[in-house]
Amino acid sequence: VMMSGMAKDTTAPLWKKGGSLSSLSGHELRRRGAQGRPKGSKSTASYLDEPGQPDDASRLTVQMGNTYQLGPPKHFPAVTVNHILKDVLTNCLREENYEPELCGQRAKTISEIIKARVKDVMAPRYKLIVVVHIGQLDGQSILIGSRCLWDPKSDTFSSYVFRNSSLFALANVYGVYLE
């Protein structure tokens, strides 16, 4: 594409900013004066701040490399977790009486204590799920069930039931391996 000398001079600033010349006709280029635009018109130009820079969305993505690890190097320590569950539930609830207003907060506190202690002995790349149920022990019956979709070769759980004269507590810790 050949441009006249005057057209090159007036369009050079647009090229440097990354603007577009497609909206300029030959007649408009000739009518441009020293100010660089036709009389009585408004001009808009769209351009990138820095044409060579990637956009924000591509800078925020994190690329993770494959480890090609097909199984856990160390399995979930179920026996150790059972000891932790027994110790925490016994120490926290040994002398407690059932109070319905406080049981929800107690269950949250106990699950946080269990999670913190299990994380110290946990195998790498396992995700933990801790569930604690506390209920009144008054001659009634309760059935608590759980279902999980997992790989039986690497995923497992530990469970412990505690009872005193007025309450029961059931704590479950699920260890799910993250590939």
Protein backbone atom coordinates (compact mmCIF):
# COMPACT_ATOMS: atom_id res chain seq x y z
CA VAL A 1 0.00 0.00 0.00
CA MET A 2 1.45 3.32 -1.03
CA MET A 3 0.62 6.50 0.86
CA SER A 4 1.47 10.03 0.04
CA GLY A 5 4.03 11.87 2.16
CA MET A 6 1.36 13.96 3.88
CA ALA A 7 -0.70 10.87 4.69
CA LYS A 8 2.35 9.14 6.19
CA ASP A 9 3.10 12.15 8.37
CA THR A 10 -0.43 12.52 9.72
CA THR A 11 -1.03 8.81 10.36
CA ALA A 12 2.33 8.00 11.94
CA PRO A 13 1.16 8.95 15.46
CA LEU A 14 -1.77 6.56 15.12
CA TRP A 15 0.51 3.69 14.14
CA LYS A 16 2.76 4.32 17.14
CA LYS A 17 -0.20 4.23 19.55
CA GLY A 18 -1.59 1.04 18.03
CA GLY A 19 -4.63 2.78 16.54
CA SER A 20 -6.61 1.94 13.45
CA LEU A 21 -6.52 3.70 10.09
CA SER A 22 -9.31 1.72 8.50
CA SER A 23 -11.91 4.44 9.18
CA LEU A 24 -9.94 7.14 7.35
CA SER A 25 -10.71 7.63 3.68
CA GLY A 26 -8.31 9.22 1.18
CA HIS A 27 -10.45 12.35 1.08
CA GLU A 28 -10.28 12.69 4.88
CA LEU A 29 -6.54 12.24 4.86
CA ARG A 30 -6.18 15.13 2.40
CA ARG A 31 -8.51 17.35 4.40
CA ARG A 32 -6.50 16.93 7.58
CA GLY A 33 -4.70 20.04 8.49
CA ALA A 34 -1.98 20.77 11.00
CA GLN A 35 -4.25 19.67 13.82
CA GLY A 36 -4.61 16.20 12.31
CA ARG A 37 -8.43 15.94 12.03
CA PRO A 38 -11.19 17.26 9.73
CA LYS A 39 -12.97 20.42 10.74
CA GLY A 40 -16.16 19.94 12.75
CA SER A 41 -15.64 16.22 13.44
CA LYS A 42 -14.91 14.17 16.51
CA SER A 43 -12.39 11.43 16.32
CA THR A 44 -12.16 8.30 18.40
CA ALA A 45 -9.34 5.86 18.35
CA SER A 46 -9.02 2.52 20.07
CA TYR A 47 -5.64 1.13 20.86
CA LEU A 48 -3.85 -1.17 23.24
CA ASP A 49 -1.66 0.34 25.92
CA GLU A 50 1.19 -1.98 25.08
CA PRO A 51 0.51 -4.24 22.09
CA GLY A 52 3.12 -6.85 23.05
CA GLN A 53 1.79 -7.44 26.60
CA PRO A 54 -0.63 -10.29 27.40
CA ASP A 55 -4.02 -9.41 28.89
CA ASP A 56 -4.77 -9.63 32.62
CA ALA A 57 -6.63 -12.94 32.42
CA SER A 58 -3.64 -14.83 31.01
CA ARG A 59 -1.30 -13.37 33.63
CA LEU A 60 -3.54 -14.60 36.47
CA THR A 61 -3.63 -18.25 35.44
CA VAL A 62 -1.20 -20.59 37.13
CA GLN A 63 0.27 -23.43 35.16
CA MET A 64 0.87 -26.57 37.20
CA GLY A 65 3.13 -29.32 36.01
CA ASN A 66 2.19 -33.00 36.11
CA THR A 67 3.85 -35.09 38.80
CA TYR A 68 2.96 -38.44 37.22
CA GLN A 69 2.51 -39.81 40.74
CA LEU A 70 -0.12 -42.54 40.54
CA GLY A 71 -0.52 -43.30 44.22
CA PRO A 72 0.33 -41.97 47.65
CA PRO A 73 3.93 -42.50 48.80
CA LYS A 74 2.64 -42.81 52.38
CA HIS A 75 -0.86 -44.00 53.26
CA PHE A 76 -3.40 -42.45 55.62
CA PRO A 77 -2.32 -43.22 59.22
CA ALA A 78 -5.65 -44.70 60.39
CA VAL A 79 -4.35 -46.17 63.65
CA THR A 80 -2.69 -42.91 64.70
CA VAL A 81 -5.82 -40.94 63.78
CA ASN A 82 -7.94 -43.32 65.90
CA HIS A 83 -5.72 -42.56 68.90
CA ILE A 84 -6.07 -38.82 68.24
CA LEU A 85 -9.87 -39.12 68.06
CA LYS A 86 -10.04 -41.06 71.31
CA ASP A 87 -7.73 -38.61 73.09
CA VAL A 88 -9.52 -35.44 71.90
CA LEU A 89 -13.06 -36.67 72.53
CA THR A 90 -12.17 -38.06 75.97
CA ASN A 91 -10.36 -34.90 77.09
CA CYS A 92 -13.00 -32.48 75.75
CA LEU A 93 -16.18 -34.31 76.80
CA ARG A 94 -15.28 -36.43 79.85
CA GLU A 95 -16.94 -34.14 82.42
CA GLU A 96 -19.47 -32.40 80.14
CA ASN A 97 -23.26 -32.67 80.39
CA TYR A 98 -25.57 -32.51 77.40
CA GLU A 99 -26.71 -28.94 76.74
CA PRO A 100 -28.46 -28.48 73.36
CA GLU A 101 -27.51 -24.79 73.04
CA LEU A 102 -23.79 -25.50 73.37
CA CYS A 103 -23.46 -28.76 71.41
CA GLY A 104 -23.22 -27.11 68.00
CA GLN A 105 -20.31 -24.91 69.10
CA ARG A 106 -18.64 -27.83 70.89
CA ALA A 107 -18.84 -29.96 67.75
CA LYS A 108 -17.19 -27.18 65.68
CA THR A 109 -14.45 -26.66 68.27
CA ILE A 110 -13.73 -30.37 68.59
CA SER A 111 -13.59 -30.83 64.81
CA GLU A 112 -11.07 -27.96 64.52
CA ILE A 113 -8.90 -29.50 67.27
CA ILE A 114 -9.02 -32.89 65.56
CA LYS A 115 -8.17 -31.41 62.18
CA ALA A 116 -5.18 -29.52 63.58
CA ARG A 117 -3.79 -32.60 65.31
CA VAL A 118 -4.35 -34.91 62.32
CA LYS A 119 -2.64 -32.46 59.95
CA ASP A 120 0.57 -32.86 61.99
CA VAL A 121 0.75 -36.61 61.26
CA MET A 122 -0.89 -36.54 57.84
CA ALA A 123 0.59 -37.98 54.68
CA PRO A 124 1.13 -35.43 51.88
CA ARG A 125 -1.55 -34.81 49.23
CA TYR A 126 -4.43 -36.02 51.40
CA LYS A 127 -7.48 -33.84 51.94
CA LEU A 128 -9.15 -34.06 55.33
CA ILE A 129 -12.83 -34.02 56.17
CA VAL A 130 -13.72 -34.00 59.87
CA VAL A 131 -17.31 -34.53 61.00
CA VAL A 132 -18.35 -34.52 64.68
CA HIS A 133 -21.86 -35.36 65.96
CA ILE A 134 -22.89 -34.76 69.59
CA GLY A 135 -26.22 -35.92 70.95
CA GLN A 136 -28.10 -36.65 74.16
CA LEU A 137 -27.74 -40.12 75.65
CA ASP A 138 -31.18 -40.86 77.13
CA GLY A 139 -32.18 -44.37 76.12
CA GLN A 140 -33.03 -43.44 72.54
CA SER A 141 -31.57 -44.81 69.35
CA ILE A 142 -29.89 -42.97 66.47
CA LEU A 143 -28.46 -44.13 63.19
CA ILE A 144 -25.79 -42.00 61.49
CA GLY A 145 -24.62 -43.01 58.05
CA SER A 146 -22.25 -41.61 55.46
CA ARG A 147 -21.45 -42.41 51.86
CA CYS A 148 -18.39 -41.42 49.94
CA LEU A 149 -17.20 -41.90 46.39
CA TRP A 150 -13.52 -42.72 46.51
CA ASP A 151 -10.69 -45.02 45.57
CA PRO A 152 -10.47 -47.83 48.16
CA LYS A 153 -6.75 -48.29 47.47
CA SER A 154 -5.76 -44.82 48.72
CA ASP A 155 -8.78 -43.25 50.49
CA THR A 156 -9.95 -44.27 53.96
CA PHE A 157 -11.43 -43.01 57.22
CA SER A 158 -11.15 -43.28 60.99
CA SER A 159 -14.03 -43.20 63.42
CA TYR A 160 -14.49 -43.13 67.18
CA VAL A 161 -17.58 -43.07 69.43
CA PHE A 162 -17.42 -41.53 72.91
CA ARG A 163 -20.09 -41.91 75.63
CA ASN A 164 -20.48 -40.50 79.12
CA SER A 165 -23.50 -40.40 81.43
CA SER A 166 -25.40 -37.70 79.50
CA LEU A 167 -24.08 -37.49 75.92
CA PHE A 168 -22.52 -39.35 73.05
CA ALA A 169 -20.13 -38.07 70.39
CA LEU A 170 -19.19 -39.58 67.07
CA ALA A 171 -16.12 -38.26 65.23
CA ASN A 172 -15.23 -39.27 61.66
CA VAL A 173 -12.08 -38.28 59.80
CA TYR A 174 -11.99 -38.96 56.06
CA GLY A 175 -8.66 -38.98 54.24
CA VAL A 176 -9.09 -38.53 50.49
CA TYR A 177 -6.00 -38.69 48.30
CA LEU A 178 -5.64 -35.86 45.78
CA GLU A 179 -3.99 -36.99 42.54
